[in-house]
N, C-alpha and C. Protein backbone atom coordinates (compact mmCIF):
# COMPACT_ATOMS: atom_id res chain seq x y z
N UNK A 1 160.15 220.27 238.45
CA UNK A 1 159.27 220.14 239.55
C UNK A 1 158.15 221.15 239.40
N UNK A 2 156.92 220.68 239.73
CA UNK A 2 155.74 221.53 239.57
C UNK A 2 155.62 222.42 240.79
N UNK A 3 155.39 223.73 240.54
CA UNK A 3 155.35 224.70 241.63
C UNK A 3 154.00 225.40 241.64
N UNK A 4 153.29 225.35 242.75
CA UNK A 4 152.01 226.04 242.89
C UNK A 4 152.27 227.49 243.20
N UNK A 5 151.45 228.36 242.59
CA UNK A 5 151.61 229.79 242.85
C UNK A 5 150.96 230.11 244.18
N UNK A 6 151.67 230.75 245.03
CA UNK A 6 151.14 231.07 246.35
C UNK A 6 150.13 232.21 246.31
N UNK A 7 150.16 233.05 245.32
CA UNK A 7 149.25 234.20 245.22
C UNK A 7 148.51 234.14 243.89
N UNK A 8 147.43 233.34 243.82
CA UNK A 8 146.74 233.22 242.53
C UNK A 8 145.95 234.50 242.20
N UNK A 9 145.85 234.86 240.94
CA UNK A 9 145.06 236.02 240.50
C UNK A 9 143.64 235.56 240.20
N UNK A 10 142.66 236.27 240.74
CA UNK A 10 141.26 235.94 240.48
C UNK A 10 140.75 236.81 239.35
N UNK A 11 140.11 236.22 238.40
CA UNK A 11 139.52 236.96 237.29
C UNK A 11 138.05 237.19 237.63
N UNK A 12 137.68 238.42 238.02
CA UNK A 12 136.30 238.70 238.43
C UNK A 12 135.47 239.33 237.32
N UNK A 13 136.00 239.48 236.17
CA UNK A 13 135.27 240.09 235.05
C UNK A 13 133.99 239.33 234.71
N UNK A 14 134.00 238.00 234.60
CA UNK A 14 132.74 237.30 234.32
C UNK A 14 131.71 237.48 235.44
N UNK A 15 132.17 237.54 236.66
CA UNK A 15 131.27 237.75 237.79
C UNK A 15 130.60 239.13 237.71
N UNK A 16 131.36 240.17 237.39
CA UNK A 16 130.81 241.53 237.25
C UNK A 16 129.83 241.57 236.08
N UNK A 17 130.16 240.92 234.98
CA UNK A 17 129.25 240.91 233.82
C UNK A 17 127.91 240.26 234.18
N UNK A 18 127.94 239.15 234.88
CA UNK A 18 126.71 238.48 235.27
C UNK A 18 125.90 239.35 236.22
N UNK A 19 126.54 240.00 237.15
CA UNK A 19 125.84 240.87 238.10
C UNK A 19 125.22 242.09 237.40
N UNK A 20 125.90 242.66 236.42
CA UNK A 20 125.33 243.80 235.67
C UNK A 20 124.11 243.36 234.86
N UNK A 21 124.13 242.19 234.29
CA UNK A 21 122.99 241.68 233.54
C UNK A 21 121.81 241.45 234.49
N UNK A 22 122.07 240.86 235.64
CA UNK A 22 121.00 240.65 236.62
C UNK A 22 120.43 241.98 237.12
N UNK A 23 121.30 242.96 237.33
CA UNK A 23 120.82 244.27 237.78
C UNK A 23 119.96 244.94 236.70
N UNK A 24 120.34 244.82 235.44
CA UNK A 24 119.56 245.39 234.35
C UNK A 24 118.19 244.72 234.27
N UNK A 25 118.15 243.41 234.43
CA UNK A 25 116.86 242.69 234.40
C UNK A 25 115.98 243.14 235.55
N UNK A 26 116.57 243.30 236.72
CA UNK A 26 115.81 243.75 237.88
C UNK A 26 115.27 245.17 237.67
N UNK A 27 116.07 246.05 237.09
CA UNK A 27 115.63 247.44 236.87
C UNK A 27 114.50 247.51 235.84
N UNK A 28 114.51 246.61 234.88
CA UNK A 28 113.46 246.62 233.86
C UNK A 28 112.16 246.03 234.40
N UNK A 29 112.26 244.98 235.19
CA UNK A 29 111.04 244.30 235.66
C UNK A 29 110.47 244.89 236.94
N UNK A 30 111.24 245.62 237.71
CA UNK A 30 110.74 246.15 238.99
C UNK A 30 109.53 247.07 238.84
N UNK A 31 109.48 247.99 237.87
CA UNK A 31 108.29 248.85 237.76
C UNK A 31 107.01 248.11 237.40
N UNK A 32 107.14 246.92 236.81
CA UNK A 32 105.93 246.20 236.40
C UNK A 32 105.38 245.31 237.50
N UNK A 33 106.11 245.15 238.57
CA UNK A 33 105.64 244.31 239.66
C UNK A 33 104.59 245.08 240.46
N UNK A 34 103.43 244.53 240.64
CA UNK A 34 102.39 245.17 241.44
C UNK A 34 102.13 244.32 242.68
N UNK A 35 102.01 245.01 243.75
CA UNK A 35 101.72 244.33 245.01
C UNK A 35 100.26 244.53 245.34
N UNK A 36 99.57 243.47 245.67
CA UNK A 36 98.17 243.58 246.05
C UNK A 36 98.06 243.23 247.52
N UNK A 37 97.88 244.26 248.28
CA UNK A 37 97.72 244.05 249.71
C UNK A 37 96.24 244.18 250.05
N UNK A 38 95.80 243.42 251.00
CA UNK A 38 94.42 243.49 251.44
C UNK A 38 94.26 244.71 252.34
N UNK A 39 93.46 245.65 251.90
CA UNK A 39 93.24 246.88 252.66
C UNK A 39 91.77 246.95 253.01
N UNK A 40 91.50 247.18 254.27
CA UNK A 40 90.12 247.38 254.72
C UNK A 40 89.93 248.88 254.91
N UNK A 41 89.06 249.46 254.10
CA UNK A 41 88.82 250.89 254.17
C UNK A 41 87.92 251.23 255.34
N UNK A 42 88.13 252.41 255.94
CA UNK A 42 87.27 252.80 257.06
C UNK A 42 85.87 253.15 256.57
N UNK A 43 84.91 253.02 257.44
CA UNK A 43 83.53 253.37 257.09
C UNK A 43 83.39 254.89 257.14
N UNK A 44 82.79 255.44 256.10
CA UNK A 44 82.58 256.88 256.04
C UNK A 44 81.14 257.22 256.34
N UNK A 45 80.86 258.51 256.33
CA UNK A 45 79.49 258.94 256.55
C UNK A 45 78.72 258.78 255.26
N UNK A 46 77.46 258.58 255.37
CA UNK A 46 76.62 258.41 254.20
C UNK A 46 76.42 259.78 253.55
N UNK A 47 76.71 259.86 252.29
CA UNK A 47 76.56 261.14 251.61
C UNK A 47 75.20 261.23 250.94
N UNK A 48 74.78 262.46 250.73
CA UNK A 48 73.49 262.68 250.08
C UNK A 48 73.64 262.51 248.58
N UNK A 49 72.59 262.05 247.95
CA UNK A 49 72.58 261.97 246.51
C UNK A 49 72.47 263.38 245.94
N UNK A 50 73.22 263.62 244.90
CA UNK A 50 73.13 264.92 244.25
C UNK A 50 71.87 264.91 243.39
N UNK A 51 71.03 265.87 243.66
CA UNK A 51 69.79 265.91 242.89
C UNK A 51 69.96 266.80 241.67
N UNK A 52 69.39 266.35 240.60
CA UNK A 52 69.48 267.09 239.35
C UNK A 52 68.52 268.26 239.40
N UNK A 53 69.06 269.44 239.22
CA UNK A 53 68.24 270.65 239.23
C UNK A 53 67.69 270.84 237.83
N UNK A 54 66.37 271.00 237.72
CA UNK A 54 65.80 271.15 236.37
C UNK A 54 66.21 272.48 235.75
N UNK A 55 66.31 272.49 234.44
CA UNK A 55 66.67 273.72 233.75
C UNK A 55 65.41 274.47 233.31
N UNK A 56 65.59 275.74 233.04
CA UNK A 56 64.48 276.60 232.61
C UNK A 56 64.84 277.13 231.23
N UNK A 57 63.91 277.02 230.30
CA UNK A 57 64.14 277.52 228.95
C UNK A 57 63.16 278.66 228.67
N UNK A 58 63.72 279.79 228.24
CA UNK A 58 62.91 280.96 227.88
C UNK A 58 63.13 281.20 226.39
N UNK A 59 62.03 281.34 225.64
CA UNK A 59 62.11 281.55 224.21
C UNK A 59 61.54 282.91 223.85
N UNK A 60 62.17 283.59 222.88
CA UNK A 60 61.63 284.86 222.39
C UNK A 60 61.61 284.80 220.87
N UNK A 61 60.42 284.97 220.29
CA UNK A 61 60.30 284.91 218.84
C UNK A 61 60.59 286.27 218.21
N UNK A 62 60.49 286.34 216.90
CA UNK A 62 60.83 287.58 216.19
C UNK A 62 59.84 288.71 216.45
N UNK A 63 58.64 288.38 216.99
CA UNK A 63 57.64 289.40 217.29
C UNK A 63 57.74 289.86 218.74
N UNK A 64 58.82 289.51 219.42
CA UNK A 64 59.12 289.88 220.80
C UNK A 64 58.14 289.25 221.80
N UNK A 65 57.58 288.14 221.45
CA UNK A 65 56.75 287.37 222.38
C UNK A 65 57.68 286.43 223.13
N UNK A 66 57.54 286.39 224.44
CA UNK A 66 58.41 285.57 225.28
C UNK A 66 57.59 284.42 225.83
N UNK A 67 58.15 283.21 225.71
CA UNK A 67 57.48 281.99 226.16
C UNK A 67 58.26 281.38 227.30
N UNK A 68 57.58 281.18 228.41
CA UNK A 68 58.17 280.52 229.58
C UNK A 68 57.21 279.42 229.98
N UNK A 69 57.58 278.18 229.65
CA UNK A 69 56.67 277.07 229.90
C UNK A 69 55.45 277.21 229.01
N UNK A 70 54.26 277.24 229.63
CA UNK A 70 53.01 277.40 228.87
C UNK A 70 52.54 278.85 228.85
N UNK A 71 53.29 279.76 229.48
CA UNK A 71 52.88 281.17 229.57
C UNK A 71 53.55 281.98 228.46
N UNK A 72 52.82 283.01 228.01
CA UNK A 72 53.31 283.92 226.99
C UNK A 72 53.28 285.34 227.53
N UNK A 73 54.36 286.09 227.30
CA UNK A 73 54.48 287.46 227.79
C UNK A 73 54.95 288.35 226.66
N UNK A 74 54.62 289.64 226.79
CA UNK A 74 55.21 290.62 225.88
C UNK A 74 56.53 291.08 226.51
N UNK A 75 57.36 291.72 225.72
CA UNK A 75 58.66 292.16 226.23
C UNK A 75 58.49 293.16 227.38
N UNK A 76 57.47 294.01 227.29
CA UNK A 76 57.24 295.01 228.36
C UNK A 76 56.79 294.37 229.66
N UNK A 77 55.97 293.33 229.58
CA UNK A 77 55.40 292.72 230.78
C UNK A 77 56.27 291.62 231.37
N UNK A 78 57.29 291.19 230.65
CA UNK A 78 58.03 290.03 231.10
C UNK A 78 58.77 290.25 232.42
N UNK A 79 59.42 291.39 232.59
CA UNK A 79 60.26 291.61 233.77
C UNK A 79 59.47 291.46 235.06
N UNK A 80 58.32 292.13 235.16
CA UNK A 80 57.52 292.06 236.39
C UNK A 80 56.97 290.66 236.61
N UNK A 81 56.45 290.05 235.56
CA UNK A 81 55.89 288.71 235.70
C UNK A 81 56.95 287.67 236.05
N UNK A 82 58.14 287.82 235.47
CA UNK A 82 59.19 286.86 235.77
C UNK A 82 59.68 287.00 237.21
N UNK A 83 59.74 288.24 237.71
CA UNK A 83 60.13 288.45 239.11
C UNK A 83 59.15 287.75 240.05
N UNK A 84 57.86 287.86 239.77
CA UNK A 84 56.86 287.21 240.61
C UNK A 84 56.94 285.69 240.48
N UNK A 85 57.07 285.21 239.26
CA UNK A 85 57.09 283.77 239.03
C UNK A 85 58.38 283.11 239.54
N UNK A 86 59.49 283.86 239.51
CA UNK A 86 60.77 283.28 239.90
C UNK A 86 60.89 283.04 241.40
N UNK A 87 59.99 283.60 242.18
CA UNK A 87 60.06 283.38 243.63
C UNK A 87 59.77 281.91 243.98
N UNK A 88 59.09 281.19 243.10
CA UNK A 88 58.80 279.78 243.35
C UNK A 88 59.79 278.84 242.64
N UNK A 89 60.75 279.40 241.92
CA UNK A 89 61.71 278.59 241.16
C UNK A 89 63.01 278.42 241.95
N UNK A 90 63.74 277.36 241.61
CA UNK A 90 65.04 277.11 242.22
C UNK A 90 66.08 278.02 241.56
N UNK A 91 66.73 278.87 242.35
CA UNK A 91 67.68 279.85 241.80
C UNK A 91 68.97 279.20 241.30
N UNK A 92 69.18 277.93 241.63
CA UNK A 92 70.38 277.24 241.14
C UNK A 92 70.15 276.61 239.78
N UNK A 93 68.97 276.77 239.24
CA UNK A 93 68.64 276.18 237.94
C UNK A 93 69.44 276.86 236.84
N UNK A 94 69.77 276.08 235.81
CA UNK A 94 70.36 276.65 234.61
C UNK A 94 69.23 277.25 233.78
N UNK A 95 69.44 278.48 233.32
CA UNK A 95 68.44 279.14 232.49
C UNK A 95 69.01 279.27 231.08
N UNK A 96 68.26 278.78 230.11
CA UNK A 96 68.66 278.85 228.71
C UNK A 96 67.72 279.79 227.97
N UNK A 97 68.31 280.72 227.25
CA UNK A 97 67.53 281.69 226.48
C UNK A 97 67.69 281.37 225.00
N UNK A 98 66.55 281.14 224.34
CA UNK A 98 66.53 280.94 222.89
C UNK A 98 65.87 282.16 222.28
N UNK A 99 66.64 282.94 221.54
CA UNK A 99 66.10 284.16 220.94
C UNK A 99 66.29 284.10 219.43
N UNK A 100 65.30 284.60 218.71
CA UNK A 100 65.36 284.62 217.26
C UNK A 100 66.52 285.51 216.82
N UNK A 101 67.21 285.10 215.75
CA UNK A 101 68.39 285.84 215.32
C UNK A 101 68.07 287.21 214.72
N UNK A 102 66.82 287.44 214.34
CA UNK A 102 66.47 288.73 213.75
C UNK A 102 66.16 289.79 214.81
N UNK A 103 66.15 289.42 216.08
CA UNK A 103 65.86 290.39 217.15
C UNK A 103 67.01 291.36 217.34
N UNK A 104 66.70 292.59 217.73
CA UNK A 104 67.77 293.53 218.06
C UNK A 104 68.55 293.03 219.29
N UNK A 105 69.83 293.32 219.29
CA UNK A 105 70.72 292.90 220.36
C UNK A 105 70.23 293.40 221.72
N UNK A 106 69.72 294.63 221.77
CA UNK A 106 69.29 295.20 223.05
C UNK A 106 68.13 294.43 223.67
N UNK A 107 67.25 293.84 222.85
CA UNK A 107 66.13 293.07 223.39
C UNK A 107 66.61 291.78 224.05
N UNK A 108 67.58 291.13 223.43
CA UNK A 108 68.11 289.88 223.99
C UNK A 108 68.87 290.18 225.29
N UNK A 109 69.62 291.26 225.30
CA UNK A 109 70.36 291.64 226.51
C UNK A 109 69.39 292.05 227.62
N UNK A 110 68.29 292.70 227.26
CA UNK A 110 67.28 293.06 228.27
C UNK A 110 66.71 291.79 228.92
N UNK A 111 66.45 290.79 228.09
CA UNK A 111 65.93 289.51 228.61
C UNK A 111 66.97 288.85 229.52
N UNK A 112 68.22 288.84 229.10
CA UNK A 112 69.30 288.27 229.89
C UNK A 112 69.46 289.00 231.22
N UNK A 113 69.42 290.32 231.18
CA UNK A 113 69.57 291.13 232.39
C UNK A 113 68.41 290.91 233.35
N UNK A 114 67.21 290.77 232.83
CA UNK A 114 66.03 290.53 233.67
C UNK A 114 66.16 289.22 234.43
N UNK A 115 66.61 288.18 233.74
CA UNK A 115 66.77 286.87 234.38
C UNK A 115 67.88 286.93 235.44
N UNK A 116 68.97 287.60 235.13
CA UNK A 116 70.07 287.73 236.10
C UNK A 116 69.62 288.51 237.33
N UNK A 117 68.87 289.57 237.14
CA UNK A 117 68.40 290.38 238.27
C UNK A 117 67.40 289.63 239.14
N UNK A 118 66.77 288.62 238.59
CA UNK A 118 65.83 287.82 239.37
C UNK A 118 66.57 286.85 240.30
N UNK A 119 67.89 286.75 240.15
CA UNK A 119 68.67 285.92 241.06
C UNK A 119 69.19 284.63 240.48
N UNK A 120 69.16 284.49 239.17
CA UNK A 120 69.67 283.29 238.52
C UNK A 120 71.09 283.57 238.02
N UNK A 121 72.10 282.95 238.65
CA UNK A 121 73.48 283.25 238.23
C UNK A 121 73.93 282.51 236.98
N UNK A 122 73.26 281.43 236.61
CA UNK A 122 73.70 280.61 235.49
C UNK A 122 72.73 280.76 234.32
N UNK A 123 72.98 281.74 233.48
CA UNK A 123 72.13 282.03 232.32
C UNK A 123 72.97 281.87 231.07
N UNK A 124 72.44 281.16 230.08
CA UNK A 124 73.17 280.93 228.82
C UNK A 124 72.28 281.28 227.65
N UNK A 125 72.92 281.80 226.60
CA UNK A 125 72.23 282.04 225.33
C UNK A 125 72.49 280.85 224.42
N UNK A 126 71.44 280.25 223.90
CA UNK A 126 71.59 279.09 223.03
C UNK A 126 71.68 279.53 221.57
N UNK A 127 72.56 278.85 220.85
CA UNK A 127 72.72 279.11 219.42
C UNK A 127 72.64 277.77 218.69
N UNK A 128 72.60 277.82 217.38
CA UNK A 128 72.60 276.59 216.59
C UNK A 128 73.89 276.47 215.85
C-alpha cells in the first residue's frame, strides 16, 4: 500500500541560489541607475560680470633705462615718477617686471620694491 509522508521535507537550496544571483545582479546594476527628476531651480540675483583688469609691464634694459608704456625713466627718477603716475592706475592690476639678466640684483629688487610701495600687491618678475 502506498503511504504519503505527512511531513514532507522542502529543499530550499535552489530557491536560495536564485535569490543570491538576483541580489548580486541588483548590487551590480544599482549604482549605474540614474534618476532624472525635473527640478526647477530658484531665481537668483543677477551677478556682475567680472571685468578683466589690465596688466602693467615694466621693462629695464642693461643701461638701467626703465620703460613704462611709452615713457622712459632713469633708475634714479623712476620711483618718484611711478608714484605720481600710479595714482591713476588700478592697484589690482598685475605688474610684470622684465629686467635684463646682466643687471645687478639690487637694481631689480629696487624696481620691485618701488612698485610694491606704490600699492601694487601682485608683482611678478618675468623670465624666459
